[in-house]
Amino acid sequence: MRKVAGYTLFWVGIGMVIGFLIPCDTISVLLIFLLLVMGYCLFM
């Protein structure tokens, strides 16, 4: 189950990176980083 959660969080983070190409603010950058790290840690 942790791998599924990690996989999901990782791809949510990737989607946010794609959304980052649109003008954004500091909070979205922190959220992207947090989701990518959490997803990676849960998947591994």
PDB file of N, CA and C in Angstrom:
ATOM      1  N   MET A   1       0.821  -1.202   0.000  1.00  0.00           N
ATOM      2  CA  MET A   1       0.000   0.000   0.000  1.00  0.00           C
ATOM      3  C   MET A   1       0.864   1.265   0.000  1.00  0.00           C
ATOM      4  N   ARG A   2       2.011   1.208   0.694  1.00  0.00           N
ATOM      5  CA  ARG A   2       2.909   2.366   0.718  1.00  0.00           C
ATOM      6  C   ARG A   2       3.422   2.683  -0.673  1.00  0.00           C
ATOM      7  N   LYS A   3       3.678   1.638  -1.479  1.00  0.00           N
ATOM      8  CA  LYS A   3       4.169   1.885  -2.836  1.00  0.00           C
ATOM      9  C   LYS A   3       3.109   2.560  -3.685  1.00  0.00           C
ATOM     10  N   VAL A   4       1.863   2.169  -3.504  1.00  0.00           N
ATOM     11  CA  VAL A   4       0.773   2.804  -4.260  1.00  0.00           C
ATOM     12  C   VAL A   4       0.653   4.271  -3.848  1.00  0.00           C
ATOM     13  N   ALA A   5       0.710   4.539  -2.553  1.00  0.00           N
ATOM     14  CA  ALA A   5       0.626   5.916  -2.078  1.00  0.00           C
ATOM     15  C   ALA A   5       1.818   6.733  -2.581  1.00  0.00           C
ATOM     16  N   GLY A   6       2.998   6.148  -2.553  1.00  0.00           N
ATOM     17  CA  GLY A   6       4.187   6.832  -3.047  1.00  0.00           C
ATOM     18  C   GLY A   6       4.097   7.118  -4.529  1.00  0.00           C
ATOM     19  N   TYR A   7       3.638   6.148  -5.294  1.00  0.00           N
ATOM     20  CA  TYR A   7       3.467   6.317  -6.738  1.00  0.00           C
ATOM     21  C   TYR A   7       2.481   7.431  -7.031  1.00  0.00           C
ATOM     22  N   THR A   8       1.371   7.449  -6.306  1.00  0.00           N
ATOM     23  CA  THR A   8       0.354   8.478  -6.510  1.00  0.00           C
ATOM     24  C   THR A   8       0.889   9.859  -6.162  1.00  0.00           C
ATOM     25  N   LEU A   9       1.534   9.990  -5.010  1.00  0.00           N
ATOM     26  CA  LEU A   9       2.073  11.291  -4.607  1.00  0.00           C
ATOM     27  C   LEU A   9       3.147  11.774  -5.573  1.00  0.00           C
ATOM     28  N   PHE A  10       3.973  10.847  -6.079  1.00  0.00           N
ATOM     29  CA  PHE A  10       5.009  11.227  -7.020  1.00  0.00           C
ATOM     30  C   PHE A  10       4.398  11.811  -8.288  1.00  0.00           C
ATOM     31  N   TRP A  11       3.376  11.161  -8.829  1.00  0.00           N
ATOM     32  CA  TRP A  11       2.779  11.665 -10.068  1.00  0.00           C
ATOM     33  C   TRP A  11       1.940  12.907  -9.848  1.00  0.00           C
ATOM     34  N   VAL A  12       1.383  13.086  -8.650  1.00  0.00           N
ATOM     35  CA  VAL A  12       0.725  14.351  -8.329  1.00  0.00           C
ATOM     36  C   VAL A  12       1.768  15.467  -8.355  1.00  0.00           C
ATOM     37  N   GLY A  13       2.938  15.188  -7.808  1.00  0.00           N
ATOM     38  CA  GLY A  13       4.026  16.164  -7.841  1.00  0.00           C
ATOM     39  C   GLY A  13       4.468  16.481  -9.260  1.00  0.00           C
ATOM     40  N   ILE A  14       4.556  15.463 -10.118  1.00  0.00           N
ATOM     41  CA  ILE A  14       4.916  15.679 -11.523  1.00  0.00           C
ATOM     42  C   ILE A  14       3.859  16.547 -12.205  1.00  0.00           C
ATOM     43  N   GLY A  15       2.590  16.282 -11.924  1.00  0.00           N
ATOM     44  CA  GLY A  15       1.523  17.100 -12.491  1.00  0.00           C
ATOM     45  C   GLY A  15       1.614  18.545 -12.038  1.00  0.00           C
ATOM     46  N   MET A  16       2.028  18.733 -10.785  1.00  0.00           N
ATOM     47  CA  MET A  16       2.186  20.093 -10.289  1.00  0.00           C
ATOM     48  C   MET A  16       3.382  20.775 -10.948  1.00  0.00           C
ATOM     49  N   VAL A  17       4.431  20.021 -11.247  1.00  0.00           N
ATOM     50  CA  VAL A  17       5.572  20.595 -11.966  1.00  0.00           C
ATOM     51  C   VAL A  17       5.120  21.070 -13.346  1.00  0.00           C
ATOM     52  N   ILE A  18       4.304  20.283 -14.013  1.00  0.00           N
ATOM     53  CA  ILE A  18       3.764  20.694 -15.309  1.00  0.00           C
ATOM     54  C   ILE A  18       2.921  21.956 -15.131  1.00  0.00           C
ATOM     55  N   GLY A  19       2.127  21.985 -14.076  1.00  0.00           N
ATOM     56  CA  GLY A  19       1.347  23.177 -13.782  1.00  0.00           C
ATOM     57  C   GLY A  19       2.211  24.363 -13.381  1.00  0.00           C
ATOM     58  N   PHE A  20       3.435  24.080 -12.990  1.00  0.00           N
ATOM     59  CA  PHE A  20       4.361  25.132 -12.579  1.00  0.00           C
ATOM     60  C   PHE A  20       4.755  26.023 -13.757  1.00  0.00           C
ATOM     61  N   LEU A  21       4.606  25.532 -14.959  1.00  0.00           N
ATOM     62  CA  LEU A  21       4.940  26.325 -16.140  1.00  0.00           C
ATOM     63  C   LEU A  21       4.030  27.546 -16.243  1.00  0.00           C
ATOM     64  N   ILE A  22       2.876  27.463 -15.605  1.00  0.00           N
ATOM     65  CA  ILE A  22       1.987  28.605 -15.484  1.00  0.00           C
ATOM     66  C   ILE A  22       2.507  29.433 -14.303  1.00  0.00           C
ATOM     67  N   PRO A  23       2.415  30.761 -14.359  1.00  0.00           N
ATOM     68  CA  PRO A  23       2.931  31.570 -13.238  1.00  0.00           C
ATOM     69  C   PRO A  23       2.407  31.086 -11.873  1.00  0.00           C
ATOM     70  N   CYS A  24       3.302  31.033 -10.888  1.00  0.00           N
ATOM     71  CA  CYS A  24       2.924  30.472  -9.590  1.00  0.00           C
ATOM     72  C   CYS A  24       3.545  31.273  -8.452  1.00  0.00           C
ATOM     73  N   ASP A  25       3.344  30.787  -7.249  1.00  0.00           N
ATOM     74  CA  ASP A  25       3.878  31.442  -6.061  1.00  0.00           C
ATOM     75  C   ASP A  25       4.735  30.469  -5.261  1.00  0.00           C
ATOM     76  N   THR A  26       5.276  30.943  -4.173  1.00  0.00           N
ATOM     77  CA  THR A  26       6.209  30.164  -3.354  1.00  0.00           C
ATOM     78  C   THR A  26       5.551  28.942  -2.721  1.00  0.00           C
ATOM     79  N   ILE A  27       4.306  29.050  -2.337  1.00  0.00           N
ATOM     80  CA  ILE A  27       3.625  27.936  -1.674  1.00  0.00           C
ATOM     81  C   ILE A  27       3.515  26.738  -2.607  1.00  0.00           C
ATOM     82  N   SER A  28       3.222  26.970  -3.883  1.00  0.00           N
ATOM     83  CA  SER A  28       3.109  25.849  -4.814  1.00  0.00           C
ATOM     84  C   SER A  28       4.460  25.178  -5.027  1.00  0.00           C
ATOM     85  N   VAL A  29       5.546  25.948  -5.017  1.00  0.00           N
ATOM     86  CA  VAL A  29       6.885  25.369  -5.154  1.00  0.00           C
ATOM     87  C   VAL A  29       7.176  24.459  -3.965  1.00  0.00           C
ATOM     88  N   LEU A  30       6.851  24.911  -2.764  1.00  0.00           N
ATOM     89  CA  LEU A  30       7.081  24.096  -1.572  1.00  0.00           C
ATOM     90  C   LEU A  30       6.217  22.835  -1.591  1.00  0.00           C
ATOM     91  N   LEU A  31       4.972  22.961  -2.050  1.00  0.00           N
ATOM     92  CA  LEU A  31       4.086  21.809  -2.134  1.00  0.00           C
ATOM     93  C   LEU A  31       4.586  20.790  -3.150  1.00  0.00           C
ATOM     94  N   ILE A  32       5.081  21.263  -4.289  1.00  0.00           N
ATOM     95  CA  ILE A  32       5.652  20.368  -5.298  1.00  0.00           C
ATOM     96  C   ILE A  32       6.819  19.583  -4.698  1.00  0.00           C
ATOM     97  N   PHE A  33       7.734  20.292  -4.055  1.00  0.00           N
ATOM     98  CA  PHE A  33       8.903  19.646  -3.463  1.00  0.00           C
ATOM     99  C   PHE A  33       8.496  18.631  -2.403  1.00  0.00           C
ATOM    100  N   LEU A  34       7.556  19.006  -1.553  1.00  0.00           N
ATOM    101  CA  LEU A  34       7.088  18.114  -0.495  1.00  0.00           C
ATOM    102  C   LEU A  34       6.469  16.841  -1.069  1.00  0.00           C
ATOM    103  N   LEU A  35       5.618  16.982  -2.071  1.00  0.00           N
ATOM    104  CA  LEU A  35       4.974  15.806  -2.668  1.00  0.00           C
ATOM    105  C   LEU A  35       5.986  14.894  -3.353  1.00  0.00           C
ATOM    106  N   LEU A  36       6.946  15.463  -4.049  1.00  0.00           N
ATOM    107  CA  LEU A  36       7.957  14.639  -4.710  1.00  0.00           C
ATOM    108  C   LEU A  36       8.800  13.867  -3.695  1.00  0.00           C
ATOM    109  N   VAL A  37       9.197  14.525  -2.631  1.00  0.00           N
ATOM    110  CA  VAL A  37      10.004  13.852  -1.605  1.00  0.00           C
ATOM    111  C   VAL A  37       9.197  12.775  -0.894  1.00  0.00           C
ATOM    112  N   MET A  38       7.966  13.103  -0.507  1.00  0.00           N
ATOM    113  CA  MET A  38       7.127  12.107   0.170  1.00  0.00           C
ATOM    114  C   MET A  38       6.843  10.903  -0.742  1.00  0.00           C
ATOM    115  N   GLY A  39       6.549  11.167  -1.985  1.00  0.00           N
ATOM    116  CA  GLY A  39       6.292  10.084  -2.924  1.00  0.00           C
ATOM    117  C   GLY A  39       7.509   9.197  -3.109  1.00  0.00           C
ATOM    118  N   TYR A  40       8.668   9.799  -3.232  1.00  0.00           N
ATOM    119  CA  TYR A  40       9.891   9.025  -3.407  1.00  0.00           C
ATOM    120  C   TYR A  40      10.183   8.181  -2.181  1.00  0.00           C
ATOM    121  N   CYS A  41      10.049   8.792  -1.005  1.00  0.00           N
ATOM    122  CA  CYS A  41      10.333   8.055   0.236  1.00  0.00           C
ATOM    123  C   CYS A  41       9.354   6.902   0.440  1.00  0.00           C
ATOM    124  N   LEU A  42       8.087   7.098   0.143  1.00  0.00           N
ATOM    125  CA  LEU A  42       7.104   6.030   0.308  1.00  0.00           C
ATOM    126  C   LEU A  42       7.283   4.926  -0.728  1.00  0.00           C
ATOM    127  N   PHE A  43       7.720   5.290  -1.928  1.00  0.00           N
ATOM    128  CA  PHE A  43       7.857   4.287  -2.977  1.00  0.00           C
ATOM    129  C   PHE A  43       9.088   3.414  -2.757  1.00  0.00           C
ATOM    130  N   MET A  44      10.152   3.987  -2.232  1.00  0.00           N
ATOM    131  CA  MET A  44      11.397   3.231  -2.043  1.00  0.00           C
ATOM    132  C   MET A  44      11.391   2.455  -0.784  1.00  0.00           C
TER     133      MET A  44
END
